[in-house]
C-alpha atoms as a PDB file:
ATOM      1  CA  MET A   1     -19.901  -0.272 108.689  1.00  0.00           C
ATOM      2  CA  ALA A   2     -16.556   0.901 106.335  1.00  0.00           C
ATOM      3  CA  ALA A   3     -16.636  -0.657 102.933  1.00  0.00           C
ATOM      4  CA  LYS A   4     -13.654  -3.398 102.694  1.00  0.00           C
ATOM      5  CA  ALA A   5     -11.275  -2.370  99.986  1.00  0.00           C
ATOM      6  CA  LYS A   6     -10.572  -4.397  96.998  1.00  0.00           C
ATOM      7  CA  HIS A   7      -7.907  -6.906  97.180  1.00  0.00           C
ATOM      8  CA  VAL A   8      -5.499  -5.485  95.188  1.00  0.00           C
ATOM      9  CA  PRO A   9      -2.985  -8.534  93.175  1.00  0.00           C
ATOM     10  CA  GLN A  10       0.451  -8.440  93.816  1.00  0.00           C
ATOM     11  CA  ARG A  11       3.582 -10.548  92.491  1.00  0.00           C
ATOM     12  CA  THR A  12       7.284 -11.009  92.661  1.00  0.00           C
ATOM     13  CA  CYS A  13       9.490  -9.591  90.081  1.00  0.00           C
ATOM     14  CA  ILE A  14      11.565 -12.314  88.957  1.00  0.00           C
ATOM     15  CA  VAL A  15      15.517  -9.910  89.150  1.00  0.00           C
ATOM     16  CA  CYS A  16      15.583  -7.433  92.107  1.00  0.00           C
ATOM     17  CA  ARG A  17      12.810 -10.135  94.214  1.00  0.00           C
ATOM     18  CA  GLN A  18      10.105  -6.481  94.809  1.00  0.00           C
ATOM     19  CA  VAL A  19       6.784  -6.925  95.497  1.00  0.00           C
ATOM     20  CA  LYS A  20       5.205  -4.810  93.299  1.00  0.00           C
ATOM     21  CA  ASN A  21       0.666  -5.089  92.432  1.00  0.00           C
ATOM     22  CA  LYS A  22       0.156  -7.158  89.594  1.00  0.00           C
ATOM     23  CA  ARG A  23      -0.469  -4.244  86.773  1.00  0.00           C
ATOM     24  CA  GLU A  24       2.973  -2.542  87.394  1.00  0.00           C
ATOM     25  CA  LEU A  25       4.584  -5.624  86.203  1.00  0.00           C
ATOM     26  CA  VAL A  26       5.491  -6.887  82.857  1.00  0.00           C
ATOM     27  CA  ARG A  27       3.577 -10.605  82.288  1.00  0.00           C
ATOM     28  CA  VAL A  28       6.274 -12.929  80.330  1.00  0.00           C
ATOM     29  CA  VAL A  29       4.363 -16.468  79.715  1.00  0.00           C
ATOM     30  CA  ARG A  30       4.813 -20.129  78.258  1.00  0.00           C
ATOM     31  CA  THR A  31       2.658 -20.370  76.102  1.00  0.00           C
ATOM     32  CA  PRO A  32       1.364 -24.296  76.085  1.00  0.00           C
ATOM     33  CA  ASP A  33       3.043 -24.809  72.460  1.00  0.00           C
ATOM     34  CA  GLN A  34       6.525 -23.524  73.817  1.00  0.00           C
ATOM     35  CA  ARG A  35       7.151 -20.406  72.761  1.00  0.00           C
ATOM     36  CA  VAL A  36       7.361 -17.569  74.940  1.00  0.00           C
ATOM     37  CA  VAL A  37       5.859 -14.021  74.453  1.00  0.00           C
ATOM     38  CA  VAL A  38       4.871 -11.269  76.353  1.00  0.00           C
ATOM     39  CA  ASP A  39       2.058 -11.474  77.924  1.00  0.00           C
ATOM     40  CA  PRO A  40      -0.280  -7.251  78.477  1.00  0.00           C
ATOM     41  CA  THR A  41      -3.258  -9.587  79.357  1.00  0.00           C
ATOM     42  CA  GLY A  42      -2.076 -10.760  82.023  1.00  0.00           C
ATOM     43  CA  LYS A  43      -4.588 -13.346  81.217  1.00  0.00           C
ATOM     44  CA  ALA A  44      -2.918 -15.704  78.715  1.00  0.00           C
ATOM     45  CA  ALA A  45      -2.718 -19.495  79.287  1.00  0.00           C
ATOM     46  CA  GLY A  46       0.911 -20.952  80.716  1.00  0.00           C
ATOM     47  CA  ARG A  47       3.319 -20.879  82.873  1.00  0.00           C
ATOM     48  CA  GLY A  48       4.151 -16.695  83.999  1.00  0.00           C
ATOM     49  CA  ALA A  49       6.481 -14.633  85.303  1.00  0.00           C
ATOM     50  CA  TYR A  50       6.237 -11.058  86.221  1.00  0.00           C
ATOM     51  CA  LEU A  51       9.099  -8.601  85.513  1.00  0.00           C
ATOM     52  CA  CYS A  52      10.036  -4.636  86.545  1.00  0.00           C
ATOM     53  CA  ASN A  53       8.660  -3.039  83.750  1.00  0.00           C
ATOM     54  CA  THR A  54      12.398  -1.031  83.203  1.00  0.00           C
ATOM     55  CA  ALA A  55      15.669  -2.347  80.493  1.00  0.00           C
ATOM     56  CA  GLN A  56      17.611  -2.519  84.139  1.00  0.00           C
ATOM     57  CA  CYS A  57      16.012  -5.239  84.876  1.00  0.00           C
ATOM     58  CA  TRP A  58      15.089  -6.634  81.499  1.00  0.00           C
ATOM     59  CA  GLN A  59      18.823  -6.691  80.572  1.00  0.00           C
ATOM     60  CA  THR A  60      19.689  -8.605  83.542  1.00  0.00           C
ATOM     61  CA  ALA A  61      16.969 -11.578  83.058  1.00  0.00           C
ATOM     62  CA  PHE A  62      18.635 -11.747  80.029  1.00  0.00           C
ATOM     63  CA  GLN A  63      21.686 -12.155  81.149  1.00  0.00           C
ATOM     64  CA  ARG A  64      21.053 -14.037  84.363  1.00  0.00           C
ATOM     65  CA  GLY A  65      19.303 -16.539  82.028  1.00  0.00           C
ATOM     66  CA  ALA A  66      16.232 -16.105  84.668  1.00  0.00           C
ATOM     67  CA  LEU A  67      12.972 -16.471  82.594  1.00  0.00           C
ATOM     68  CA  ALA A  68      14.326 -19.223  81.415  1.00  0.00           C
ATOM     69  CA  ARG A  69      14.898 -20.789  84.485  1.00  0.00           C
ATOM     70  CA  ALA A  70      11.479 -18.805  85.931  1.00  0.00           C
ATOM     71  CA  LEU A  71       9.642 -20.241  82.619  1.00  0.00           C
ATOM     72  CA  LYS A  72      11.269 -24.268  82.623  1.00  0.00           C
ATOM     73  CA  VAL A  73      11.360 -23.826  78.843  1.00  0.00           C
ATOM     74  CA  GLU A  74      14.463 -22.716  76.615  1.00  0.00           C
ATOM     75  CA  ILE A  75      13.768 -19.595  74.739  1.00  0.00           C
ATOM     76  CA  SER A  76      14.301 -20.184  71.126  1.00  0.00           C
ATOM     77  CA  ASP A  77      16.291 -16.852  69.056  1.00  0.00           C
ATOM     78  CA  GLU A  78      13.047 -16.446  67.839  1.00  0.00           C
ATOM     79  CA  ASP A  79      11.018 -15.585  71.017  1.00  0.00           C
ATOM     80  CA  LEU A  80      14.439 -14.640  72.794  1.00  0.00           C
ATOM     81  CA  ALA A  81      14.495 -11.566  69.656  1.00  0.00           C
ATOM     82  CA  ALA A  82      11.245 -10.764  70.238  1.00  0.00           C
ATOM     83  CA  LEU A  83      11.322 -10.757  74.240  1.00  0.00           C
ATOM     84  CA  LYS A  84      15.034  -7.838  73.220  1.00  0.00           C
ATOM     85  CA  ALA A  85      13.139  -5.835  70.825  1.00  0.00           C
ATOM     86  CA  TYR A  86       9.985  -5.182  73.090  1.00  0.00           C
ATOM     87  CA  ALA A  87      12.981  -4.860  76.094  1.00  0.00           C
ATOM     88  CA  ALA A  88      14.132  -2.653  74.210  1.00  0.00           C
ATOM     89  CA  GLY A  89      11.216  -0.099  74.216  1.00  0.00           C
ATOM     90  CA  LEU A  90      11.334   0.437  78.127  1.00  0.00           C
ATOM     91  CA  GLU A  91      12.553   3.260  79.833  1.00  0.00           C
ATOM     92  CA  PRO A  92      16.445   3.050  81.587  1.00  0.00           C
END
């Protein structure tokens, strides 16, 4: 009998709605103290939302307010600046 293939978790980008492997997306998390940060491990405590690893999806998320809506939080100017700095380093 053939070995069963390992399950690969799938997640959906909140902007383009593409379903991809969890590791191909970037997780943004609302921490218990209401901060919004990028979660490189994908395991931080809090409500998470996933975005593609492209500048286009991130810019669209900022324009539409998709992150604040998905995380059900008002994003502070400080956190928003940190997220935009992260997005600036992504491929176009």
